[in-house]
Amino acid sequence: MIGFGALLADLNRAGLRYVVVGGIAVIRHGVVRATKDLDIVVAVDDDTATALAALMADWRATRPDGTPEDRRLPSSGWPLHLRTVHGLIDVLAEQAPPLDLHGLLARAETRRVDGVPAPICSLRDLVALKRRSARSTDLEDLNRLQTAHGELPAPPEDSPS
């Protein structure tokens, strides 16, 4: 297995708690678009650091430019951008509630990506994350999601966006 399915299978096998966001989540919410990487949100804790360190070793992960990545956890505003034997993955740090990993997982739906079950963030959370980021790609995704779904949902309760 290669690509997104292989990355997700490895994440699942490692027992890492994560939620898929980004382009794959946009696609799983009914938008046709391409993506070059897998984006996930993780908790910033010791268990995650241990699991990511093992996965990064197995994947022979580097930064996208091929240089070593010494960090084992993302931080707010500083994700881990990794090139692996299976492709690119961006590991993002959870945000403040309600966009923390616990909240994201509680509202996520398990769907198959390349045949592998994975928690996909809810449409409401995806919209909130895209609005918060507000990069040009995120704004394009919001327009595509609105075309697919009509009026987009309001942010989850207590979300400052």
Protein backbone atom coordinates (compact mmCIF):
# COMPACT_ATOMS: atom_id res chain seq x y z
CA MET A 1 0.00 0.00 0.00
CA ILE A 2 1.25 3.49 -0.84
CA GLY A 3 0.02 7.06 -0.57
CA PHE A 4 -2.69 8.36 1.74
CA GLY A 5 -3.97 4.87 2.58
CA ALA A 6 -0.52 3.74 3.69
CA LEU A 7 -0.04 6.84 5.86
CA LEU A 8 -3.44 6.35 7.48
CA ALA A 9 -2.87 2.62 8.01
CA ASP A 10 0.41 3.43 9.76
CA LEU A 11 -1.25 6.10 11.93
CA ASN A 12 -3.96 3.62 12.91
CA ARG A 13 -1.50 0.81 13.58
CA ALA A 14 0.56 3.14 15.81
CA GLY A 15 -2.55 3.97 17.84
CA LEU A 16 -2.07 7.67 17.21
CA ARG A 17 -5.15 9.78 17.97
CA TYR A 18 -5.70 12.14 15.04
CA VAL A 19 -8.34 13.77 12.87
CA VAL A 20 -8.03 14.31 9.12
CA VAL A 21 -8.43 17.93 8.05
CA GLY A 22 -7.34 19.83 4.93
CA GLY A 23 -7.77 18.68 1.35
CA ILE A 24 -8.73 15.08 2.10
CA ALA A 25 -11.46 16.29 4.48
CA VAL A 26 -12.70 18.74 1.84
CA ILE A 27 -12.86 15.88 -0.68
CA ARG A 28 -14.66 13.59 1.80
CA HIS A 29 -17.21 16.38 2.26
CA GLY A 30 -18.14 16.25 -1.41
CA VAL A 31 -15.78 18.64 -3.18
CA VAL A 32 -13.82 17.47 -6.20
CA ARG A 33 -10.28 18.80 -5.93
CA ALA A 34 -6.70 17.59 -5.91
CA THR A 35 -4.39 17.45 -2.92
CA LYS A 36 -0.74 16.54 -2.60
CA ASP A 37 -0.60 15.81 1.11
CA LEU A 38 -2.45 14.44 4.11
CA ASP A 39 -3.23 16.96 6.86
CA ILE A 40 -3.94 15.74 10.39
CA VAL A 41 -4.49 17.38 13.77
CA VAL A 42 -2.96 15.72 16.82
CA ALA A 43 -2.79 16.40 20.56
CA VAL A 44 0.45 17.89 21.80
CA ASP A 45 1.38 15.41 24.53
CA ASP A 46 3.94 12.74 25.43
CA ASP A 47 1.95 9.85 23.90
CA THR A 48 1.73 11.67 20.59
CA ALA A 49 5.44 12.54 20.66
CA THR A 50 6.35 8.89 21.28
CA ALA A 51 4.08 7.60 18.50
CA LEU A 52 5.22 10.27 16.02
CA ALA A 53 8.90 9.61 16.76
CA ALA A 54 8.42 5.90 15.96
CA LEU A 55 6.43 6.65 12.81
CA MET A 56 8.94 9.23 11.61
CA ALA A 57 11.72 6.66 11.99
CA ASP A 58 9.69 3.98 10.15
CA TRP A 59 8.83 6.45 7.39
CA ARG A 60 12.40 7.76 7.17
CA ALA A 61 10.69 11.15 7.39
CA THR A 62 12.45 14.40 6.54
CA ARG A 63 11.33 17.92 5.87
CA PRO A 64 9.99 18.28 2.31
CA ASP A 65 13.38 19.60 1.15
CA GLY A 66 15.10 16.43 2.41
CA THR A 67 16.73 17.95 5.49
CA PRO A 68 16.28 16.24 8.86
CA GLU A 69 13.34 17.14 11.12
CA ASP A 70 14.36 17.00 14.77
CA ARG A 71 11.02 18.04 16.27
CA ARG A 72 8.63 15.26 17.30
CA LEU A 73 5.59 17.46 17.90
CA PRO A 74 4.00 20.33 16.02
CA SER A 75 3.33 23.57 17.83
CA SER A 76 0.72 26.25 17.29
CA GLY A 77 1.50 27.94 14.00
CA TRP A 78 4.42 25.58 13.31
CA PRO A 79 3.21 22.25 11.91
CA LEU A 80 5.43 19.32 11.06
CA HIS A 81 5.72 19.21 7.26
CA LEU A 82 7.07 15.74 6.47
CA ARG A 83 8.19 13.84 3.38
CA THR A 84 7.79 10.10 3.99
CA VAL A 85 8.22 6.90 2.01
CA HIS A 86 4.43 7.07 1.40
CA GLY A 87 4.14 10.76 0.51
CA LEU A 88 3.70 14.11 2.20
CA ILE A 89 1.96 14.62 5.55
CA ASP A 90 1.38 17.79 7.54
CA VAL A 91 0.92 17.25 11.28
CA LEU A 92 -0.84 20.18 12.93
CA ALA A 93 -1.20 20.94 16.65
CA GLU A 94 -4.66 20.95 18.15
CA GLN A 95 -6.20 24.35 18.87
CA ALA A 96 -8.06 25.67 21.89
CA PRO A 97 -11.48 24.12 22.61
CA PRO A 98 -13.75 23.45 20.89
CA LEU A 99 -11.18 22.80 18.13
CA ASP A 100 -8.99 20.66 20.39
CA LEU A 101 -8.43 17.03 19.41
CA HIS A 102 -11.01 15.74 21.91
CA GLY A 103 -13.71 18.01 20.46
CA LEU A 104 -12.71 17.33 16.85
CA LEU A 105 -12.80 13.56 17.44
CA ALA A 106 -16.17 13.76 19.21
CA ARG A 107 -17.70 15.38 16.12
CA ALA A 108 -15.71 13.46 13.46
CA GLU A 109 -17.09 10.71 11.24
CA THR A 110 -15.08 7.64 10.36
CA ARG A 111 -14.87 7.30 6.59
CA ARG A 112 -12.65 5.32 4.29
CA VAL A 113 -9.76 6.97 2.49
CA ASP A 114 -8.07 4.69 -0.03
CA GLY A 115 -9.82 1.81 1.74
CA VAL A 116 -8.54 2.72 5.22
CA PRO A 117 -10.90 3.94 7.97
CA ALA A 118 -9.99 7.40 9.25
CA PRO A 119 -11.67 10.05 11.42
CA ILE A 120 -12.66 12.94 9.13
CA CYS A 121 -13.42 16.25 10.81
CA SER A 122 -17.02 17.40 10.69
CA LEU A 123 -18.12 19.93 8.10
CA ARG A 124 -18.69 22.50 10.87
CA ASP A 125 -15.15 22.01 12.22
CA LEU A 126 -13.62 22.00 8.74
CA VAL A 127 -15.32 25.31 7.95
CA ALA A 128 -14.16 26.79 11.27
CA LEU A 129 -10.56 25.68 10.66
CA LYS A 130 -10.60 27.01 7.09
CA ARG A 131 -12.05 30.36 8.22
CA ARG A 132 -9.46 30.64 10.98
CA SER A 133 -6.55 29.90 8.64
CA ALA A 134 -7.87 32.14 5.83
CA ARG A 135 -5.08 31.30 3.36
CA SER A 136 -6.05 31.65 -0.31
CA THR A 137 -6.40 27.86 -0.65
CA ASP A 138 -8.67 27.77 2.42
CA LEU A 139 -10.87 30.55 1.04
CA GLU A 140 -11.15 28.65 -2.27
CA ASP A 141 -12.12 25.52 -0.31
CA LEU A 142 -14.80 27.48 1.56
CA ASN A 143 -16.26 28.65 -1.76
CA ARG A 144 -16.26 25.06 -3.08
CA LEU A 145 -17.84 23.75 0.13
CA GLN A 146 -20.53 26.43 -0.09
CA THR A 147 -21.27 25.42 -3.69
CA ALA A 148 -21.55 21.78 -2.58
CA HIS A 149 -23.55 22.37 0.63
CA GLY A 150 -25.25 25.75 0.37
CA GLU A 151 -25.03 27.90 3.48
CA LEU A 152 -22.08 26.78 5.57
CA PRO A 153 -22.49 25.94 9.26
CA ALA A 154 -21.59 28.37 12.01
CA PRO A 155 -18.47 27.61 14.06
CA PRO A 156 -18.80 25.14 16.95
CA GLU A 157 -19.83 26.63 20.30
CA ASP A 158 -17.16 28.76 22.01
CA SER A 159 -15.09 28.96 18.81
CA PRO A 160 -13.54 32.41 18.43
CA SER A 161 -13.89 32.81 14.66
